[in-house]
Amino acid sequence: MRTKMRRSLLGYLPVDSPIFGLHPMTRLLFLLIVSAYPMIVRLPELNVAGSIFMLALFKVSKVDLRVIKNYKMAFVNLFFVIAIAYTFFGGYNPDYRVLVELGPVKVCWENLRWAMVVYIQLIFAILIMIFFLSTMRERDIVVGLRALRVPFVLAYMAGLALRSIGLSIIDFNTIREAEKARALDLQALPFSEKVKKFGMYIVPLVALAIRRSDEVSNALDSRGFRFTGLKSGKRTDYILSKYRMTKLDYLVLAGMGVFLVGIILISIYTDWLALENSLLYRI
């Protein structure tokens, strides 16, 4: 028996996914609240724990973990960019431990340590965003924002903007499939060639993004959409009336809020989350 799937911003999700038991506003606030965790907490051990928690959440929500594999090159490139930035432009102090000297450049452990701290933070934040896009639809975003009393114009614009991210990813995968059909095997190429080919995707992606923007603009115009300002009067939110907040929603929101407040208070009044307590600073 085939599993019924529901389209999300980043792919497809089974209709029986537990995540659909939550109100769209709860899922939207999940992004806003949980995204603050890696920005507040710099301790790499906690950010690694947060990343593991997100992977478990992927599994519980029945999100295909293969979606993360699509970004492995992005993760690798991100690491190299951060490592190079901190190695060459991270500064130097006589107290730093030099690991190797590349001509005038001194590769120090302290700079690499900072690069690892920042990289782990970004991985946690990226996993949060991937999870959000994998479990939300454009309609869910509009409903969530309207439930928060955001003006309809802004809510609809945010929904279209996030929808464009999903469409760009679909276009990216389409281009890759077209290359495979023309016997271009990226897996067989050396790493340097993969990076070059990855950069060549930008031109067709930009062209497709412009074309899709024009199509969306024409579609909105044909349906009589006009920008009437942020205050466009009362609107009947028919879709919003189909959703109800449950005890589970309030429990999840309370848990996220308490956890966030706890992290803020611990960061202000104690040094438990200080980077100096990390294992990386004991090496």
Protein backbone atom coordinates (compact mmCIF):
# COMPACT_ATOMS: atom_id res chain seq x y z
CA MET A 1 0.00 0.00 0.00
CA ARG A 2 1.39 3.36 -1.02
CA THR A 3 1.90 6.02 1.60
CA LYS A 4 0.05 9.25 0.92
CA MET A 5 2.43 12.17 0.73
CA ARG A 6 1.95 15.89 1.24
CA ARG A 7 3.99 18.51 -0.53
CA SER A 8 6.22 20.71 1.64
CA LEU A 9 8.49 23.61 0.77
CA LEU A 10 11.45 21.24 0.47
CA GLY A 11 9.96 17.98 -0.73
CA TYR A 12 7.30 15.53 0.38
CA LEU A 13 6.18 14.33 3.79
CA PRO A 14 3.80 11.48 4.75
CA VAL A 15 0.35 12.76 5.65
CA ASP A 16 0.47 10.74 8.89
CA SER A 17 3.57 12.59 10.10
CA PRO A 18 3.20 13.58 13.79
CA ILE A 19 4.34 17.10 12.92
CA PHE A 20 1.00 17.77 11.23
CA GLY A 21 -0.66 17.36 14.62
CA LEU A 22 0.76 20.74 15.60
CA HIS A 23 -0.81 24.08 14.68
CA PRO A 24 1.05 25.97 11.92
CA MET A 25 1.68 28.80 14.37
CA THR A 26 3.45 26.37 16.72
CA ARG A 27 5.66 25.12 13.89
CA LEU A 28 6.42 28.69 12.84
CA LEU A 29 7.34 29.70 16.39
CA PHE A 30 9.54 26.61 16.55
CA LEU A 31 11.72 28.18 13.86
CA LEU A 32 11.78 31.58 15.55
CA ILE A 33 12.48 30.28 19.06
CA VAL A 34 14.75 27.29 18.42
CA SER A 35 16.83 29.28 15.92
CA ALA A 36 17.83 31.51 18.82
CA TYR A 37 19.51 28.60 20.63
CA PRO A 38 22.65 28.36 18.43
CA MET A 39 22.93 32.15 18.42
CA ILE A 40 22.95 32.32 22.21
CA VAL A 41 24.87 29.13 23.00
CA ARG A 42 28.43 28.94 21.68
CA LEU A 43 29.48 25.87 23.65
CA PRO A 44 30.16 23.33 20.86
CA GLU A 45 29.13 20.32 22.96
CA LEU A 46 25.63 21.73 23.41
CA ASN A 47 25.36 22.63 19.73
CA VAL A 48 26.39 19.07 18.81
CA ALA A 49 23.69 17.81 21.19
CA GLY A 50 21.22 20.17 19.51
CA SER A 51 22.18 18.83 16.08
CA ILE A 52 21.64 15.26 17.29
CA PHE A 53 18.26 16.30 18.70
CA MET A 54 17.31 17.77 15.33
CA LEU A 55 18.26 14.53 13.55
CA ALA A 56 16.06 12.63 16.01
CA LEU A 57 13.26 15.10 15.29
CA PHE A 58 13.70 14.42 11.56
CA LYS A 59 13.20 10.72 12.28
CA VAL A 60 10.17 11.19 14.55
CA SER A 61 8.52 13.52 12.02
CA LYS A 62 9.14 10.97 9.24
CA VAL A 63 11.25 13.38 7.23
CA ASP A 64 13.46 11.52 4.78
CA LEU A 65 17.01 11.91 6.11
CA ARG A 66 18.29 11.66 2.55
CA VAL A 67 17.26 15.29 2.14
CA ILE A 68 20.30 16.21 4.26
CA LYS A 69 22.61 14.34 1.89
CA ASN A 70 21.67 16.83 -0.81
CA TYR A 71 23.56 19.46 1.15
CA LYS A 72 26.74 17.51 1.90
CA MET A 73 28.74 19.56 -0.62
CA ALA A 74 27.35 22.75 0.90
CA PHE A 75 28.45 21.56 4.36
CA VAL A 76 31.94 20.73 3.07
CA ASN A 77 32.29 24.06 1.25
CA LEU A 78 31.06 25.91 4.32
CA PHE A 79 33.71 24.25 6.48
CA PHE A 80 36.50 25.15 4.05
CA VAL A 81 35.31 28.76 3.77
CA ILE A 82 35.19 29.18 7.55
CA ALA A 83 38.50 27.38 8.09
CA ILE A 84 40.27 29.47 5.44
CA ALA A 85 38.76 32.70 6.77
CA TYR A 86 39.89 32.04 10.35
CA THR A 87 43.27 30.61 9.30
CA PHE A 88 44.32 33.44 6.99
CA PHE A 89 42.40 36.34 8.53
CA GLY A 90 41.93 35.22 12.14
CA GLY A 91 44.85 37.24 13.43
CA TYR A 92 47.90 36.12 15.35
CA ASN A 93 49.02 36.38 18.95
CA PRO A 94 52.43 35.34 20.31
CA ASP A 95 50.63 33.08 22.78
CA TYR A 96 48.98 31.10 19.96
CA ARG A 97 50.17 27.55 19.29
CA VAL A 98 51.47 27.29 15.74
CA LEU A 99 50.59 23.94 14.12
CA VAL A 100 52.21 24.55 10.75
CA GLU A 101 53.70 27.45 8.79
CA LEU A 102 52.74 27.93 5.15
CA GLY A 103 55.17 30.60 4.09
CA PRO A 104 54.11 33.83 5.80
CA VAL A 105 50.88 32.21 7.06
CA LYS A 106 50.89 30.58 10.48
CA VAL A 107 48.16 28.01 11.04
CA CYS A 108 47.35 28.24 14.75
CA TRP A 109 45.26 25.94 16.90
CA GLU A 110 43.34 28.86 18.41
CA ASN A 111 42.13 30.02 14.98
CA LEU A 112 41.12 26.50 13.96
CA ARG A 113 39.31 26.13 17.26
CA TRP A 114 37.25 29.23 16.57
CA ALA A 115 36.50 27.91 13.09
CA MET A 116 35.18 24.64 14.55
CA VAL A 117 33.03 26.49 17.11
CA VAL A 118 31.43 28.67 14.41
CA TYR A 119 31.00 25.73 12.04
CA ILE A 120 29.19 23.61 14.65
CA GLN A 121 26.90 26.55 15.43
CA LEU A 122 26.02 26.96 11.76
CA ILE A 123 25.37 23.23 11.29
CA PHE A 124 22.83 23.32 14.13
CA ALA A 125 21.15 26.40 12.64
CA ILE A 126 21.08 24.89 9.12
CA LEU A 127 19.48 21.67 10.39
CA ILE A 128 16.76 23.75 12.06
CA MET A 129 16.03 25.55 8.79
CA ILE A 130 16.04 22.32 6.74
CA PHE A 131 13.59 20.76 9.20
CA PHE A 132 11.33 23.81 9.02
CA LEU A 133 11.28 23.85 5.22
CA SER A 134 10.75 20.08 5.10
CA THR A 135 7.65 20.20 7.30
CA MET A 136 5.96 23.44 6.24
CA ARG A 137 3.86 24.42 3.26
CA GLU A 138 3.25 27.89 1.91
CA ARG A 139 -0.28 27.75 3.32
CA ASP A 140 1.05 26.75 6.75
CA ILE A 141 3.30 29.80 6.82
CA VAL A 142 0.45 32.12 5.88
CA VAL A 143 -1.82 30.53 8.51
CA GLY A 144 0.89 30.72 11.17
CA LEU A 145 1.62 34.38 10.49
CA ARG A 146 -2.07 35.27 10.37
CA ALA A 147 -2.56 33.50 13.70
CA LEU A 148 0.13 35.84 15.05
CA ARG A 149 -1.89 38.79 13.70
CA VAL A 150 0.65 39.62 11.00
CA PRO A 151 -0.94 41.66 8.15
CA PHE A 152 -2.08 39.49 5.27
CA VAL A 153 0.21 41.24 2.78
CA LEU A 154 3.32 40.49 4.84
CA ALA A 155 2.17 36.94 5.55
CA TYR A 156 1.58 36.23 1.88
CA MET A 157 4.92 37.79 0.88
CA ALA A 158 6.75 35.64 3.45
CA GLY A 159 4.98 32.54 2.15
CA LEU A 160 5.98 33.31 -1.44
CA ALA A 161 9.57 34.06 -0.43
CA LEU A 162 9.99 30.74 1.37
CA ARG A 163 8.20 28.94 -1.42
CA SER A 164 10.81 30.29 -3.84
CA ILE A 165 13.51 28.52 -1.79
CA GLY A 166 11.81 25.18 -2.35
CA LEU A 167 11.37 25.91 -6.06
CA SER A 168 15.05 26.83 -6.39
CA ILE A 169 16.03 23.52 -4.82
CA ILE A 170 13.72 21.67 -7.22
CA ASP A 171 15.34 23.53 -10.13
CA PHE A 172 18.79 22.65 -8.78
CA ASN A 173 17.90 18.95 -8.67
CA THR A 174 16.40 19.19 -12.17
CA ILE A 175 19.67 20.61 -13.51
CA ARG A 176 21.63 17.83 -11.82
CA GLU A 177 19.36 15.17 -13.33
CA ALA A 178 19.80 16.78 -16.76
CA GLU A 179 23.58 16.57 -16.35
CA LYS A 180 23.33 12.92 -15.37
CA ALA A 181 21.23 12.27 -18.47
CA ARG A 182 24.13 13.72 -20.50
CA ALA A 183 26.59 11.29 -18.87
CA LEU A 184 28.14 13.77 -16.44
CA ASP A 185 29.02 11.74 -13.35
CA LEU A 186 29.80 14.17 -10.54
CA GLN A 187 30.74 11.34 -8.19
CA ALA A 188 33.64 10.35 -10.46
CA LEU A 189 35.09 13.86 -10.60
CA PRO A 190 37.85 15.03 -8.24
CA PHE A 191 36.88 17.41 -5.46
CA SER A 192 38.27 20.50 -7.22
CA GLU A 193 36.17 19.77 -10.32
CA LYS A 194 33.07 19.22 -8.19
CA VAL A 195 33.50 22.69 -6.70
CA LYS A 196 33.84 24.21 -10.19
CA LYS A 197 30.74 22.41 -11.47
CA PHE A 198 28.82 23.43 -8.37
CA GLY A 199 29.55 27.08 -9.14
CA MET A 200 28.31 26.68 -12.72
CA TYR A 201 24.80 25.98 -11.41
CA ILE A 202 24.38 29.62 -10.44
CA VAL A 203 23.72 31.00 -13.95
CA PRO A 204 20.80 28.68 -14.87
CA LEU A 205 19.40 28.92 -11.35
CA VAL A 206 19.31 32.73 -11.52
CA ALA A 207 17.66 32.57 -14.95
CA LEU A 208 15.03 30.13 -13.69
CA ALA A 209 14.42 32.24 -10.58
CA ILE A 210 13.75 35.33 -12.71
CA ARG A 211 11.38 33.38 -14.95
CA ARG A 212 9.48 31.95 -11.98
CA SER A 213 9.20 35.41 -10.42
CA ASP A 214 7.63 36.68 -13.63
CA GLU A 215 5.22 33.73 -13.71
CA VAL A 216 4.15 34.33 -10.10
CA SER A 217 3.69 38.03 -10.79
CA ASN A 218 1.47 37.30 -13.79
CA ALA A 219 -0.52 34.72 -11.82
CA LEU A 220 -1.19 37.18 -8.99
CA ASP A 221 -2.14 39.90 -11.46
CA SER A 222 -4.55 37.59 -13.31
CA ARG A 223 -6.31 36.80 -10.03
CA GLY A 224 -6.82 40.44 -9.18
CA PHE A 225 -4.23 40.73 -6.40
CA ARG A 226 -3.28 44.32 -5.69
CA PHE A 227 -1.06 45.81 -3.01
CA THR A 228 -3.41 47.88 -0.86
CA GLY A 229 -1.05 48.62 2.01
CA LEU A 230 -0.44 46.84 5.28
CA LYS A 231 -3.85 47.82 6.64
CA SER A 232 -6.25 46.38 4.11
CA GLY A 233 -9.21 46.08 6.44
CA LYS A 234 -10.69 42.95 7.93
CA ARG A 235 -10.30 39.74 5.99
CA THR A 236 -12.11 36.44 6.36
CA ASP A 237 -9.39 33.89 7.15
CA TYR A 238 -11.25 30.79 6.05
CA ILE A 239 -8.21 28.49 6.20
CA LEU A 240 -7.26 29.81 9.64
CA SER A 241 -10.68 28.78 10.95
CA LYS A 242 -9.87 25.15 10.09
CA TYR A 243 -7.06 24.99 12.66
CA ARG A 244 -7.35 24.85 16.44
CA MET A 245 -4.70 25.08 19.10
CA THR A 246 -4.49 21.91 21.21
CA LYS A 247 -2.95 21.03 24.57
CA LEU A 248 0.05 19.62 22.72
CA ASP A 249 0.62 23.00 21.04
CA TYR A 250 0.58 24.84 24.36
CA LEU A 251 2.87 22.21 25.90
CA VAL A 252 5.41 22.49 23.06
CA LEU A 253 5.35 26.30 23.13
CA ALA A 254 5.75 26.35 26.91
CA GLY A 255 8.65 23.91 26.73
CA MET A 256 10.48 25.93 24.07
CA GLY A 257 9.87 29.18 25.92
CA VAL A 258 11.04 27.86 29.29
CA PHE A 259 14.14 26.35 27.69
CA LEU A 260 14.97 29.63 25.92
CA VAL A 261 14.50 31.71 29.08
CA GLY A 262 16.60 29.21 31.01
CA ILE A 263 19.45 29.47 28.51
CA ILE A 264 19.34 33.27 28.61
CA LEU A 265 19.37 33.37 32.43
CA ILE A 266 22.19 30.82 32.66
CA SER A 267 24.21 32.80 30.11
CA ILE A 268 23.74 36.04 32.03
CA TYR A 269 24.20 34.92 35.63
CA THR A 270 26.63 31.98 35.32
CA ASP A 271 29.63 30.93 33.26
CA TRP A 272 28.38 27.38 32.67
CA LEU A 273 27.96 28.04 28.96
CA ALA A 274 31.27 29.86 28.56
CA LEU A 275 33.54 28.65 25.78
CA GLU A 276 36.34 28.16 28.30
CA ASN A 277 34.40 25.18 29.68
CA SER A 278 34.50 23.40 26.33
CA LEU A 279 36.69 20.36 25.76
CA LEU A 280 38.23 22.18 22.80
CA TYR A 281 39.69 24.73 25.21
CA ARG A 282 41.29 22.01 27.31
CA ILE A 283 43.32 20.61 24.43
